[in-house]
């Protein structure tokens, strides 16, 4: 699952809290990264239920900053990730 998060999501600890949420959910590999246009990109691979929980957390409003919207796409896992990283 790849998600793009819009809003005031940079310079507020968003990446750190996203990684913490992914680790709390467990079983997810991937990363979170700031994009040059102000969005944050989240790539998560693992059980579909875990990815759905992370997506729900991104949309729930219990995140730092202010999320104005989340867009996601689902695709086959590519692999190559070890753990959940902040980039």
Protein backbone atom coordinates (compact mmCIF):
# COMPACT_ATOMS: atom_id res chain seq x y z
CA UNK A 1 0.00 0.00 0.00
CA UNK A 2 1.30 3.43 -0.92
CA UNK A 3 -0.37 6.47 0.62
CA UNK A 4 0.14 10.18 0.09
CA UNK A 5 -0.86 12.40 3.00
CA UNK A 6 -1.77 16.05 2.37
CA UNK A 7 -1.99 18.87 4.88
CA UNK A 8 0.36 20.32 7.49
CA UNK A 9 2.33 17.11 7.86
CA UNK A 10 5.95 18.20 7.64
CA UNK A 11 8.07 19.56 10.50
CA UNK A 12 5.56 18.31 13.08
CA UNK A 13 6.96 14.83 13.85
CA UNK A 14 4.59 13.13 11.42
CA UNK A 15 7.16 10.68 10.04
CA UNK A 16 8.26 9.62 13.53
CA UNK A 17 4.68 9.02 14.69
CA UNK A 18 3.86 7.16 11.46
CA UNK A 19 6.81 4.82 12.00
CA UNK A 20 5.74 4.32 15.64
CA UNK A 21 2.20 3.44 14.48
CA UNK A 22 3.55 0.94 11.93
CA UNK A 23 5.72 -0.70 14.59
CA UNK A 24 2.81 -0.80 17.06
CA UNK A 25 0.60 -2.49 14.44
CA UNK A 26 3.41 -4.93 13.70
CA UNK A 27 4.24 -7.04 10.70
CA UNK A 28 4.74 -4.05 8.40
CA UNK A 29 7.83 -3.22 6.37
CA UNK A 30 8.33 -0.05 4.36
CA UNK A 31 9.10 3.60 4.88
CA UNK A 32 7.77 7.11 5.34
CA UNK A 33 9.31 10.11 3.56
CA UNK A 34 8.69 13.85 3.14
CA UNK A 35 8.05 14.92 -0.45
CA UNK A 36 9.15 18.21 -1.96
CA UNK A 37 5.55 19.35 -2.51
CA UNK A 38 4.67 19.23 1.21
CA UNK A 39 3.04 15.80 1.25
CA UNK A 40 4.27 12.72 3.09
CA UNK A 41 4.49 9.38 1.29
CA UNK A 42 3.96 6.14 3.21
CA UNK A 43 4.84 2.75 1.72
CA UNK A 44 3.74 -0.26 3.77
CA UNK A 45 3.97 -3.96 2.98
CA UNK A 46 2.63 -6.78 5.11
CA UNK A 47 -0.72 -8.27 6.06
CA UNK A 48 -3.59 -6.44 4.39
CA UNK A 49 -5.23 -5.95 7.80
CA UNK A 50 -2.09 -4.25 9.10
CA UNK A 51 -1.88 -1.95 6.09
CA UNK A 52 -5.56 -1.10 6.52
CA UNK A 53 -4.97 -0.27 10.20
CA UNK A 54 -2.11 2.06 9.28
CA UNK A 55 -4.26 3.74 6.63
CA UNK A 56 -7.09 4.15 9.15
CA UNK A 57 -4.63 5.74 11.62
CA UNK A 58 -3.43 8.17 8.93
CA UNK A 59 -7.04 9.25 8.34
CA UNK A 60 -8.22 9.25 11.97
CA UNK A 61 -6.97 12.70 12.89
CA UNK A 62 -4.91 11.35 15.81
CA UNK A 63 -1.72 12.36 14.01
CA UNK A 64 0.58 15.32 14.58
CA UNK A 65 -0.08 18.34 12.39
CA UNK A 66 -3.24 18.44 10.32
CA UNK A 67 -4.19 15.85 7.71
CA UNK A 68 -6.36 17.31 4.96
CA UNK A 69 -6.58 14.10 2.95
CA UNK A 70 -5.05 10.72 2.21
CA UNK A 71 -4.89 9.05 -1.19
CA UNK A 72 -3.79 5.45 -1.48
CA UNK A 73 -3.12 2.78 -4.06
CA UNK A 74 -2.82 -0.94 -3.50
CA UNK A 75 -0.37 -3.08 -5.45
CA UNK A 76 1.60 -6.29 -5.16
CA UNK A 77 4.39 -6.16 -2.57
CA UNK A 78 7.79 -5.54 -4.13
CA UNK A 79 9.83 -6.66 -1.14
CA UNK A 80 13.27 -5.40 -0.34
CA UNK A 81 12.27 -3.57 2.84
CA UNK A 82 13.57 -4.57 6.24
CA UNK A 83 11.58 -3.01 9.06
CA UNK A 84 9.89 0.35 8.80
CA UNK A 85 12.20 3.29 8.12
CA UNK A 86 12.09 7.07 8.16
CA UNK A 87 13.70 8.49 5.04
